[in-house]
Amino acid sequence: MTYSYRQTAYSYPVTAMALALLLTSCGHGSTAAKPSTATKPTAAKASATAPTKLYAHAWNQLTFKAPVQLSKPTKLGLDAVYLQVPASGAADFELLLVGISTQMAKRMGLDEAGQFKYVKSTFFGMAKAPSGHVPRRIFERASRGEVFERAIPKPGMLETHLVTLPDGSRLVIGFRSAKSFPAAQAEAITTAVCSTLRVTAP
C-alpha cells in the first residue's frame, strides 16, 4: 500500500516506511523524550566570607589579637618580650614588644628618636637605616613604620614602630619574619595586631 504526501502543488508517492521516517525527522509522531534545553536554576553561592578567627593575647597592660595562635610571651630583656610563630621550635615570625617607662626614659637621657634607635639596636639587632616605610594604624593613630631587610639570624624582614601610650610611656613594636614565611600571612598578623592593640586599665 502507498500513501500520498503533499508539499505545495506536487504529489509524491511514498511508502509507509518512508512516511514514518519523514514524520519522525520533522518531529511528528515521535514519543521519545527530547532533552531539555532549559537551564536549571543553580543555588546562589554565598557572597559573604566567613570572618577570620582571631586569637586573643596579652602582655602587661596590653591586649591584642592575631589570626594565628602565637606563643606565650618570652622574656627578651627588661620590660621586653617576644611572641612567635610557630608557638614552639624555630621562629618563622616574631612579634617583639619593648616598653620604655617614663622613669626609664629619664635614666636613659635620650629623646624619642634616641630611644627608638637604642631599642632597635639592642633588642632587634638593627642599627642600619631603614630601606623603606609603611603606614599603619595603631591605637587609632597613624604610625609610620620603618622597614628593614635583615640577614641574621636568618634572611627576612623587620618592621618597627614607636608609639606613645596614654600614661606617657612608650612602646616599641617589632614584626620580624623569615624570608621563608608567607608574606601574606606575615601581613595578616601584622595588620591584626596593629588594629586590635589596646591598653587595659591598671
N, C-alpha and C. Protein backbone atom coordinates (compact mmCIF):
# COMPACT_ATOMS: atom_id res chain seq x y z
N MET A 1 0.85 -1.18 0.00
CA MET A 1 0.00 0.00 0.00
C MET A 1 0.89 1.23 0.00
N THR A 2 0.48 2.26 -0.71
CA THR A 2 1.23 3.50 -0.77
C THR A 2 0.36 4.65 -0.33
N TYR A 3 1.04 5.73 0.19
CA TYR A 3 0.34 6.92 0.64
C TYR A 3 0.81 8.10 -0.18
N SER A 4 0.01 9.12 -0.17
CA SER A 4 0.38 10.32 -0.92
C SER A 4 0.73 11.43 0.05
N TYR A 5 1.96 12.00 -0.03
CA TYR A 5 2.43 13.09 0.83
C TYR A 5 2.51 14.34 -0.02
N ARG A 6 1.74 15.38 0.35
CA ARG A 6 1.66 16.57 -0.49
C ARG A 6 2.54 17.68 0.06
N GLN A 7 3.24 18.34 -0.81
CA GLN A 7 4.02 19.52 -0.46
C GLN A 7 3.79 20.52 -1.57
N THR A 8 3.31 21.70 -1.26
CA THR A 8 2.88 22.73 -2.22
C THR A 8 1.91 22.09 -3.21
N ALA A 9 2.18 22.23 -4.53
CA ALA A 9 1.22 21.77 -5.53
C ALA A 9 1.59 20.42 -6.10
N TYR A 10 2.64 19.75 -5.54
CA TYR A 10 3.10 18.50 -6.14
C TYR A 10 2.71 17.32 -5.25
N SER A 11 2.56 16.17 -5.87
CA SER A 11 2.21 14.94 -5.16
C SER A 11 3.29 13.92 -5.38
N TYR A 12 3.79 13.30 -4.25
CA TYR A 12 4.86 12.31 -4.32
C TYR A 12 4.35 11.01 -3.74
N PRO A 13 4.43 9.92 -4.46
CA PRO A 13 4.06 8.62 -3.87
C PRO A 13 5.16 8.15 -2.93
N VAL A 14 4.82 7.81 -1.69
CA VAL A 14 5.79 7.34 -0.71
C VAL A 14 5.29 6.10 -0.04
N THR A 15 6.19 5.29 0.44
CA THR A 15 5.80 4.07 1.15
C THR A 15 5.50 4.41 2.59
N ALA A 16 4.90 3.46 3.30
CA ALA A 16 4.59 3.68 4.72
C ALA A 16 5.83 3.90 5.54
N MET A 17 6.91 3.13 5.24
CA MET A 17 8.16 3.28 5.99
C MET A 17 8.78 4.64 5.74
N ALA A 18 8.78 5.05 4.47
CA ALA A 18 9.35 6.36 4.15
C ALA A 18 8.59 7.47 4.83
N LEU A 19 7.24 7.33 4.87
CA LEU A 19 6.43 8.36 5.52
C LEU A 19 6.74 8.44 7.01
N ALA A 20 6.91 7.26 7.62
CA ALA A 20 7.22 7.25 9.06
C ALA A 20 8.54 7.93 9.34
N LEU A 21 9.55 7.65 8.51
CA LEU A 21 10.86 8.29 8.69
C LEU A 21 10.77 9.78 8.49
N LEU A 22 9.97 10.18 7.49
CA LEU A 22 9.84 11.61 7.21
C LEU A 22 9.17 12.35 8.35
N LEU A 23 8.08 11.72 8.89
CA LEU A 23 7.38 12.36 10.01
C LEU A 23 8.25 12.44 11.25
N THR A 24 9.06 11.38 11.44
CA THR A 24 9.95 11.38 12.61
C THR A 24 10.99 12.49 12.51
N SER A 25 11.55 12.68 11.30
CA SER A 25 12.56 13.73 11.12
C SER A 25 11.98 15.11 11.28
N CYS A 26 10.68 15.25 11.05
CA CYS A 26 10.02 16.56 11.18
C CYS A 26 9.51 16.79 12.59
N GLY A 27 9.66 15.76 13.44
CA GLY A 27 9.24 15.93 14.83
C GLY A 27 7.83 15.49 15.08
N HIS A 28 7.19 14.83 14.13
CA HIS A 28 5.81 14.39 14.31
C HIS A 28 5.79 12.91 14.60
N GLY A 29 4.86 12.48 15.43
CA GLY A 29 4.65 11.08 15.67
C GLY A 29 5.70 10.43 16.54
N SER A 30 6.66 11.18 17.08
CA SER A 30 7.70 10.61 17.92
C SER A 30 7.31 10.71 19.38
N THR A 31 7.44 9.64 20.09
CA THR A 31 7.11 9.64 21.52
C THR A 31 8.33 9.69 22.40
N ALA A 32 9.53 9.69 21.80
CA ALA A 32 10.76 9.72 22.59
C ALA A 32 10.91 11.06 23.29
N ALA A 33 11.34 11.04 24.54
CA ALA A 33 11.52 12.29 25.29
C ALA A 33 12.70 13.06 24.75
N LYS A 34 12.50 14.33 24.51
CA LYS A 34 13.56 15.18 23.99
C LYS A 34 14.35 15.79 25.15
N PRO A 35 15.64 15.90 24.98
CA PRO A 35 16.43 16.53 26.05
C PRO A 35 16.02 17.97 26.24
N SER A 36 15.89 18.37 27.48
CA SER A 36 15.51 19.74 27.78
C SER A 36 16.68 20.68 27.61
N THR A 37 16.39 21.79 26.94
CA THR A 37 17.44 22.79 26.73
C THR A 37 17.35 23.90 27.75
N ALA A 38 16.34 23.84 28.62
CA ALA A 38 16.19 24.90 29.61
C ALA A 38 17.29 24.80 30.66
N THR A 39 17.80 25.90 31.05
CA THR A 39 18.85 25.93 32.06
C THR A 39 18.23 25.84 33.44
N LYS A 40 18.67 24.84 34.20
CA LYS A 40 18.14 24.69 35.54
C LYS A 40 18.75 25.73 36.46
N PRO A 41 17.94 26.31 37.32
CA PRO A 41 18.48 27.31 38.25
C PRO A 41 19.46 26.67 39.20
N THR A 42 20.55 27.33 39.45
CA THR A 42 21.56 26.82 40.38
C THR A 42 21.51 27.62 41.66
N ALA A 43 21.89 26.98 42.73
CA ALA A 43 21.88 27.66 44.03
C ALA A 43 22.90 28.78 44.02
N ALA A 44 22.49 29.93 44.46
CA ALA A 44 23.39 31.08 44.51
C ALA A 44 24.48 30.85 45.54
N LYS A 45 25.70 31.15 45.15
CA LYS A 45 26.81 30.98 46.07
C LYS A 45 26.78 32.08 47.12
N ALA A 46 27.14 31.72 48.32
CA ALA A 46 27.17 32.71 49.39
C ALA A 46 28.27 33.71 49.11
N SER A 47 27.87 34.99 49.08
CA SER A 47 28.85 36.03 48.77
C SER A 47 29.63 36.45 50.00
N ALA A 48 29.02 36.24 51.15
CA ALA A 48 29.70 36.67 52.37
C ALA A 48 30.80 35.69 52.74
N THR A 49 31.96 36.21 53.09
CA THR A 49 33.08 35.37 53.50
C THR A 49 33.08 35.23 55.01
N ALA A 50 33.28 34.04 55.47
CA ALA A 50 33.29 33.81 56.92
C ALA A 50 34.40 34.62 57.56
N PRO A 51 34.13 35.30 58.68
CA PRO A 51 35.15 36.13 59.33
C PRO A 51 36.32 35.29 59.82
N THR A 52 37.51 35.87 59.75
CA THR A 52 38.71 35.18 60.19
C THR A 52 38.72 35.09 61.71
N LYS A 53 39.02 33.91 62.22
CA LYS A 53 39.09 33.74 63.67
C LYS A 53 40.33 34.43 64.20
N LEU A 54 40.17 35.19 65.27
CA LEU A 54 41.28 35.89 65.88
C LEU A 54 41.52 35.34 67.28
N TYR A 55 42.79 35.16 67.62
CA TYR A 55 43.18 34.65 68.93
C TYR A 55 43.65 35.80 69.82
N ALA A 56 43.12 35.86 71.03
CA ALA A 56 43.45 36.94 71.95
C ALA A 56 44.77 36.68 72.67
N HIS A 57 45.56 37.73 72.83
CA HIS A 57 46.83 37.64 73.54
C HIS A 57 46.97 38.86 74.46
N ALA A 58 47.85 38.76 75.43
CA ALA A 58 48.03 39.87 76.36
C ALA A 58 49.44 39.86 76.93
N TRP A 59 49.91 41.04 77.25
CA TRP A 59 51.19 41.20 77.94
C TRP A 59 51.13 42.50 78.73
N ASN A 60 51.44 42.40 80.03
CA ASN A 60 51.31 43.56 80.92
C ASN A 60 49.91 44.15 80.77
N GLN A 61 49.81 45.43 80.41
CA GLN A 61 48.51 46.07 80.24
C GLN A 61 48.06 46.10 78.78
N LEU A 62 48.76 45.38 77.93
CA LEU A 62 48.43 45.38 76.50
C LEU A 62 47.62 44.14 76.13
N THR A 63 46.63 44.33 75.29
CA THR A 63 45.89 43.22 74.70
C THR A 63 45.87 43.41 73.19
N PHE A 64 45.84 42.31 72.48
CA PHE A 64 45.80 42.36 71.02
C PHE A 64 45.36 41.00 70.51
N LYS A 65 45.05 40.94 69.22
CA LYS A 65 44.59 39.71 68.60
C LYS A 65 45.38 39.42 67.33
N ALA A 66 45.41 38.13 66.97
CA ALA A 66 46.13 37.70 65.77
C ALA A 66 45.37 36.55 65.12
N PRO A 67 45.47 36.38 63.81
CA PRO A 67 44.77 35.30 63.13
C PRO A 67 45.42 33.93 63.31
N VAL A 68 46.49 33.87 64.08
CA VAL A 68 47.14 32.60 64.41
C VAL A 68 47.42 32.58 65.91
N GLN A 69 47.65 31.39 66.43
CA GLN A 69 47.98 31.26 67.85
C GLN A 69 49.46 31.52 68.04
N LEU A 70 49.79 32.62 68.69
CA LEU A 70 51.18 32.94 68.98
C LEU A 70 51.61 32.21 70.25
N SER A 71 52.91 32.15 70.45
CA SER A 71 53.42 31.55 71.68
C SER A 71 53.13 32.48 72.85
N LYS A 72 53.35 31.97 74.05
CA LYS A 72 53.26 32.83 75.22
C LYS A 72 54.43 33.81 75.21
N PRO A 73 54.27 34.99 75.81
CA PRO A 73 55.37 35.96 75.82
C PRO A 73 56.63 35.37 76.47
N THR A 74 57.74 35.51 75.79
CA THR A 74 59.03 35.05 76.31
C THR A 74 59.89 36.27 76.61
N LYS A 75 60.48 36.30 77.79
CA LYS A 75 61.25 37.46 78.21
C LYS A 75 62.46 37.66 77.30
N LEU A 76 62.60 38.89 76.82
CA LEU A 76 63.71 39.25 75.94
C LEU A 76 64.71 40.15 76.66
N GLY A 77 64.25 40.77 77.72
CA GLY A 77 65.09 41.69 78.48
C GLY A 77 64.21 42.44 79.46
N LEU A 78 64.72 43.52 80.02
CA LEU A 78 63.95 44.33 80.96
C LEU A 78 62.75 44.95 80.25
N ASP A 79 61.56 44.55 80.69
CA ASP A 79 60.32 45.06 80.10
C ASP A 79 60.27 44.83 78.59
N ALA A 80 60.70 43.67 78.18
CA ALA A 80 60.73 43.33 76.75
C ALA A 80 60.44 41.85 76.57
N VAL A 81 59.58 41.52 75.59
CA VAL A 81 59.21 40.13 75.32
C VAL A 81 59.08 39.92 73.82
N TYR A 82 58.97 38.65 73.45
CA TYR A 82 58.62 38.32 72.07
C TYR A 82 57.64 37.16 72.08
N LEU A 83 56.78 37.13 71.08
CA LEU A 83 55.84 36.04 70.85
C LEU A 83 56.11 35.55 69.43
N GLN A 84 56.03 34.25 69.20
CA GLN A 84 56.46 33.75 67.91
C GLN A 84 55.48 32.78 67.26
N VAL A 85 55.72 32.55 65.98
CA VAL A 85 55.05 31.53 65.17
C VAL A 85 56.14 30.69 64.52
N PRO A 86 56.09 29.35 64.66
CA PRO A 86 55.12 28.59 65.46
C PRO A 86 55.32 28.79 66.95
N ALA A 87 54.39 28.29 67.73
CA ALA A 87 54.44 28.52 69.17
C ALA A 87 55.65 27.87 69.84
N SER A 88 56.24 26.87 69.19
CA SER A 88 57.43 26.23 69.73
C SER A 88 58.38 25.90 68.59
N GLY A 89 59.65 25.76 68.91
CA GLY A 89 60.64 25.48 67.88
C GLY A 89 61.22 26.75 67.29
N ALA A 90 61.87 26.62 66.15
CA ALA A 90 62.49 27.77 65.49
C ALA A 90 61.42 28.74 65.01
N ALA A 91 61.64 30.03 65.26
CA ALA A 91 60.64 31.05 64.90
C ALA A 91 60.71 31.41 63.42
N ASP A 92 59.53 31.47 62.80
CA ASP A 92 59.42 31.96 61.43
C ASP A 92 58.88 33.39 61.41
N PHE A 93 58.15 33.73 62.49
CA PHE A 93 57.61 35.08 62.64
C PHE A 93 57.64 35.43 64.12
N GLU A 94 58.02 36.68 64.42
CA GLU A 94 58.09 37.13 65.82
C GLU A 94 57.44 38.50 65.98
N LEU A 95 56.69 38.62 67.05
CA LEU A 95 56.18 39.92 67.49
C LEU A 95 57.01 40.32 68.69
N LEU A 96 57.72 41.46 68.59
CA LEU A 96 58.58 41.93 69.67
C LEU A 96 57.98 43.18 70.30
N LEU A 97 57.93 43.21 71.62
CA LEU A 97 57.36 44.34 72.35
C LEU A 97 58.36 44.80 73.41
N VAL A 98 58.69 46.08 73.36
CA VAL A 98 59.64 46.65 74.32
C VAL A 98 59.02 47.91 74.92
N GLY A 99 58.83 47.88 76.22
CA GLY A 99 58.26 49.04 76.90
C GLY A 99 59.35 49.98 77.41
N ILE A 100 59.09 51.27 77.30
CA ILE A 100 60.01 52.30 77.83
C ILE A 100 59.20 53.19 78.76
N SER A 101 59.31 52.96 80.06
CA SER A 101 58.56 53.77 81.02
C SER A 101 59.13 55.18 81.07
N THR A 102 58.38 56.08 81.65
CA THR A 102 58.85 57.47 81.75
C THR A 102 60.10 57.54 82.63
N GLN A 103 60.15 56.69 83.68
CA GLN A 103 61.33 56.67 84.55
C GLN A 103 62.55 56.17 83.78
N MET A 104 62.36 55.11 82.99
CA MET A 104 63.47 54.58 82.22
C MET A 104 63.95 55.60 81.19
N ALA A 105 63.01 56.31 80.59
CA ALA A 105 63.37 57.32 79.59
C ALA A 105 64.25 58.40 80.21
N LYS A 106 63.94 58.79 81.44
CA LYS A 106 64.74 59.81 82.12
C LYS A 106 66.14 59.29 82.42
N ARG A 107 66.23 58.02 82.85
CA ARG A 107 67.54 57.45 83.14
C ARG A 107 68.38 57.31 81.87
N MET A 108 67.73 57.00 80.77
CA MET A 108 68.45 56.86 79.51
C MET A 108 68.99 58.20 79.01
N GLY A 109 68.29 59.25 79.33
CA GLY A 109 68.73 60.58 78.89
C GLY A 109 68.67 60.76 77.38
N LEU A 110 67.76 60.06 76.73
CA LEU A 110 67.64 60.13 75.28
C LEU A 110 66.27 60.67 74.88
N ASP A 111 66.23 61.37 73.76
CA ASP A 111 64.94 61.82 73.25
C ASP A 111 64.22 60.65 72.58
N GLU A 112 63.07 60.92 72.01
CA GLU A 112 62.27 59.86 71.40
C GLU A 112 63.02 59.11 70.30
N ALA A 113 63.68 59.86 69.44
CA ALA A 113 64.44 59.23 68.34
C ALA A 113 65.59 58.39 68.89
N GLY A 114 66.23 58.88 69.95
CA GLY A 114 67.34 58.15 70.56
C GLY A 114 66.87 56.86 71.22
N GLN A 115 65.71 56.92 71.86
CA GLN A 115 65.15 55.72 72.48
C GLN A 115 64.80 54.67 71.43
N PHE A 116 64.23 55.12 70.34
CA PHE A 116 63.87 54.21 69.25
C PHE A 116 65.12 53.54 68.68
N LYS A 117 66.14 54.33 68.46
CA LYS A 117 67.39 53.80 67.91
C LYS A 117 68.03 52.80 68.87
N TYR A 118 67.99 53.10 70.17
CA TYR A 118 68.58 52.21 71.18
C TYR A 118 67.88 50.85 71.19
N VAL A 119 66.54 50.87 71.17
CA VAL A 119 65.78 49.61 71.21
C VAL A 119 66.03 48.78 69.96
N LYS A 120 66.02 49.42 68.81
CA LYS A 120 66.24 48.68 67.56
C LYS A 120 67.61 48.01 67.56
N SER A 121 68.61 48.71 68.07
CA SER A 121 69.96 48.17 68.08
C SER A 121 70.13 47.09 69.14
N THR A 122 69.62 47.35 70.34
CA THR A 122 69.83 46.44 71.47
C THR A 122 68.96 45.19 71.41
N PHE A 123 67.69 45.36 71.11
CA PHE A 123 66.75 44.24 71.16
C PHE A 123 66.47 43.61 69.79
N PHE A 124 66.56 44.40 68.73
CA PHE A 124 66.21 43.89 67.41
C PHE A 124 67.44 43.60 66.55
N GLY A 125 68.63 44.00 67.04
CA GLY A 125 69.85 43.78 66.28
C GLY A 125 69.89 44.54 64.97
N MET A 126 69.32 45.75 64.95
CA MET A 126 69.26 46.53 63.71
C MET A 126 69.77 47.95 63.96
N ALA A 127 70.90 48.26 63.33
CA ALA A 127 71.50 49.58 63.52
C ALA A 127 71.53 50.40 62.24
N LYS A 128 71.26 49.76 61.10
CA LYS A 128 71.32 50.49 59.84
C LYS A 128 70.05 51.26 59.57
N ALA A 129 70.09 52.12 58.57
CA ALA A 129 68.93 52.92 58.20
C ALA A 129 67.88 52.04 57.52
N PRO A 130 66.59 52.39 57.67
CA PRO A 130 65.54 51.57 57.05
C PRO A 130 65.59 51.65 55.53
N SER A 131 65.13 50.59 54.90
CA SER A 131 65.07 50.57 53.44
C SER A 131 63.75 51.12 52.91
N GLY A 132 62.80 51.34 53.82
CA GLY A 132 61.50 51.88 53.41
C GLY A 132 60.63 52.15 54.62
N HIS A 133 59.41 52.62 54.36
CA HIS A 133 58.46 52.91 55.43
C HIS A 133 57.09 52.35 55.06
N VAL A 134 56.28 52.08 56.07
CA VAL A 134 54.94 51.54 55.85
C VAL A 134 53.97 52.20 56.82
N PRO A 135 52.82 52.68 56.34
CA PRO A 135 51.84 53.31 57.24
C PRO A 135 50.95 52.26 57.91
N ARG A 136 50.68 52.48 59.19
CA ARG A 136 49.78 51.61 59.95
C ARG A 136 48.88 52.48 60.82
N ARG A 137 47.85 51.85 61.37
CA ARG A 137 47.00 52.48 62.38
C ARG A 137 47.18 51.70 63.67
N ILE A 138 47.74 52.37 64.69
CA ILE A 138 47.97 51.75 65.99
C ILE A 138 47.39 52.66 67.06
N PHE A 139 46.57 52.11 67.94
CA PHE A 139 45.85 52.91 68.95
C PHE A 139 45.04 54.02 68.28
N GLU A 140 44.45 53.69 67.12
CA GLU A 140 43.62 54.64 66.38
C GLU A 140 44.39 55.87 65.91
N ARG A 141 45.70 55.75 65.85
CA ARG A 141 46.52 56.86 65.35
C ARG A 141 47.43 56.37 64.23
N ALA A 142 47.81 57.28 63.37
CA ALA A 142 48.69 56.92 62.26
C ALA A 142 50.11 56.67 62.79
N SER A 143 50.75 55.64 62.28
CA SER A 143 52.13 55.33 62.65
C SER A 143 52.91 55.05 61.38
N ARG A 144 54.06 55.68 61.26
CA ARG A 144 54.91 55.48 60.08
C ARG A 144 56.02 54.51 60.45
N GLY A 145 55.81 53.26 60.13
CA GLY A 145 56.75 52.22 60.50
C GLY A 145 57.98 52.18 59.60
N GLU A 146 59.06 51.67 60.15
CA GLU A 146 60.30 51.51 59.38
C GLU A 146 60.44 50.05 58.95
N VAL A 147 60.92 49.85 57.74
CA VAL A 147 61.09 48.51 57.19
C VAL A 147 62.56 48.25 56.91
N PHE A 148 63.03 47.08 57.33
CA PHE A 148 64.44 46.70 57.14
C PHE A 148 64.52 45.32 56.51
N GLU A 149 65.53 45.14 55.69
CA GLU A 149 65.89 43.81 55.23
C GLU A 149 66.99 43.30 56.16
N ARG A 150 66.91 42.05 56.56
CA ARG A 150 67.89 41.52 57.50
C ARG A 150 68.46 40.20 56.98
N ALA A 151 69.64 39.89 57.47
CA ALA A 151 70.32 38.67 57.04
C ALA A 151 70.50 37.68 58.18
N ILE A 152 70.49 38.17 59.44
CA ILE A 152 70.68 37.29 60.59
C ILE A 152 69.53 37.49 61.58
N PRO A 153 69.14 36.49 62.35
CA PRO A 153 69.69 35.13 62.33
C PRO A 153 69.33 34.34 61.08
N LYS A 154 68.35 34.82 60.29
CA LYS A 154 68.01 34.22 59.02
C LYS A 154 67.45 35.33 58.11
N PRO A 155 67.62 35.22 56.80
CA PRO A 155 67.14 36.26 55.89
C PRO A 155 65.65 36.53 56.07
N GLY A 156 65.29 37.80 56.03
CA GLY A 156 63.88 38.15 56.20
C GLY A 156 63.68 39.64 56.30
N MET A 157 62.55 40.03 56.90
CA MET A 157 62.17 41.44 57.00
C MET A 157 61.89 41.80 58.46
N LEU A 158 62.06 43.07 58.76
CA LEU A 158 61.75 43.60 60.09
C LEU A 158 60.99 44.91 59.91
N GLU A 159 59.88 45.03 60.61
CA GLU A 159 59.09 46.27 60.61
C GLU A 159 59.01 46.78 62.04
N THR A 160 59.30 48.06 62.26
CA THR A 160 59.33 48.60 63.61
C THR A 160 58.46 49.86 63.74
N HIS A 161 57.88 50.03 64.93
CA HIS A 161 57.05 51.21 65.23
C HIS A 161 57.35 51.69 66.64
N LEU A 162 57.29 52.97 66.85
CA LEU A 162 57.39 53.58 68.18
C LEU A 162 56.10 54.35 68.45
N VAL A 163 55.39 53.97 69.51
CA VAL A 163 54.13 54.64 69.84
C VAL A 163 54.16 55.09 71.29
N THR A 164 53.42 56.14 71.58
CA THR A 164 53.32 56.67 72.94
C THR A 164 52.01 56.21 73.56
N LEU A 165 52.08 55.69 74.79
CA LEU A 165 50.91 55.19 75.50
C LEU A 165 50.24 56.32 76.28
N PRO A 166 48.99 56.10 76.70
CA PRO A 166 48.26 57.17 77.40
C PRO A 166 48.96 57.72 78.64
N ASP A 167 49.76 56.91 79.34
CA ASP A 167 50.44 57.39 80.55
C ASP A 167 51.76 58.09 80.26
N GLY A 168 52.08 58.26 79.00
CA GLY A 168 53.31 58.96 78.63
C GLY A 168 54.48 58.03 78.36
N SER A 169 54.36 56.77 78.73
CA SER A 169 55.43 55.81 78.42
C SER A 169 55.39 55.48 76.93
N ARG A 170 56.41 54.79 76.47
CA ARG A 170 56.48 54.47 75.05
C ARG A 170 56.58 52.96 74.85
N LEU A 171 56.18 52.53 73.68
CA LEU A 171 56.22 51.13 73.31
C LEU A 171 56.83 51.00 71.92
N VAL A 172 57.84 50.15 71.81
CA VAL A 172 58.44 49.84 70.52
C VAL A 172 57.94 48.47 70.09
N ILE A 173 57.39 48.40 68.89
CA ILE A 173 56.82 47.17 68.36
C ILE A 173 57.64 46.72 67.16
N GLY A 174 57.96 45.44 67.14
CA GLY A 174 58.70 44.90 66.00
C GLY A 174 57.99 43.67 65.44
N PHE A 175 57.94 43.59 64.13
CA PHE A 175 57.40 42.41 63.44
C PHE A 175 58.54 41.84 62.60
N ARG A 176 59.02 40.69 63.00
CA ARG A 176 60.19 40.10 62.34
C ARG A 176 59.79 38.78 61.69
N SER A 177 59.98 38.68 60.38
CA SER A 177 59.58 37.47 59.66
C SER A 177 60.72 36.92 58.82
N ALA A 178 60.77 35.60 58.75
CA ALA A 178 61.77 34.95 57.91
C ALA A 178 61.34 35.02 56.45
N LYS A 179 62.31 34.98 55.56
CA LYS A 179 62.02 35.04 54.13
C LYS A 179 61.16 33.87 53.70
N SER A 180 61.30 32.73 54.37
CA SER A 180 60.54 31.53 54.04
C SER A 180 59.10 31.60 54.52
N PHE A 181 58.78 32.55 55.40
CA PHE A 181 57.43 32.69 55.93
C PHE A 181 56.56 33.41 54.91
N PRO A 182 55.34 32.90 54.61
CA PRO A 182 54.50 33.53 53.59
C PRO A 182 54.25 35.01 53.89
N ALA A 183 54.53 35.86 52.91
CA ALA A 183 54.38 37.31 53.10
C ALA A 183 52.94 37.69 53.42
N ALA A 184 51.98 37.01 52.80
CA ALA A 184 50.57 37.32 53.05
C ALA A 184 50.19 37.01 54.50
N GLN A 185 50.73 35.94 55.05
CA GLN A 185 50.43 35.59 56.44
C GLN A 185 51.09 36.57 57.40
N ALA A 186 52.32 36.98 57.08
CA ALA A 186 53.01 37.97 57.92
C ALA A 186 52.22 39.28 57.92
N GLU A 187 51.72 39.68 56.78
CA GLU A 187 50.93 40.92 56.68
C GLU A 187 49.63 40.80 57.45
N ALA A 188 48.98 39.63 57.39
CA ALA A 188 47.73 39.44 58.10
C ALA A 188 47.93 39.54 59.61
N ILE A 189 49.01 38.94 60.11
CA ILE A 189 49.29 39.02 61.55
C ILE A 189 49.60 40.45 61.96
N THR A 190 50.45 41.11 61.18
CA THR A 190 50.84 42.49 61.48
C THR A 190 49.64 43.41 61.49
N THR A 191 48.79 43.31 60.49
CA THR A 191 47.60 44.16 60.40
C THR A 191 46.66 43.93 61.57
N ALA A 192 46.45 42.65 61.93
CA ALA A 192 45.54 42.33 63.02
C ALA A 192 46.06 42.86 64.35
N VAL A 193 47.34 42.66 64.62
CA VAL A 193 47.92 43.14 65.89
C VAL A 193 47.82 44.67 65.97
N CYS A 194 48.19 45.35 64.91
CA CYS A 194 48.15 46.82 64.92
C CYS A 194 46.73 47.34 65.15
N SER A 195 45.76 46.73 64.50
CA SER A 195 44.39 47.24 64.57
C SER A 195 43.67 46.88 65.87
N THR A 196 44.14 45.85 66.57
CA THR A 196 43.45 45.42 67.79
C THR A 196 44.23 45.76 69.07
N LEU A 197 45.40 46.34 68.95
CA LEU A 197 46.22 46.64 70.14
C LEU A 197 45.51 47.65 71.03
N ARG A 198 45.39 47.30 72.30
CA ARG A 198 44.70 48.16 73.26
C ARG A 198 45.47 48.16 74.59
N VAL A 199 45.25 49.22 75.37
CA VAL A 199 45.81 49.32 76.72
C VAL A 199 44.66 49.16 77.72
N THR A 200 44.78 48.19 78.61
CA THR A 200 43.72 47.97 79.60
C THR A 200 43.98 48.82 80.84
N ALA A 201 42.95 49.02 81.60
CA ALA A 201 43.09 49.80 82.84
C ALA A 201 43.94 49.03 83.83
N PRO A 202 44.81 49.72 84.59
CA PRO A 202 45.67 49.04 85.57
C PRO A 202 44.85 48.45 86.71
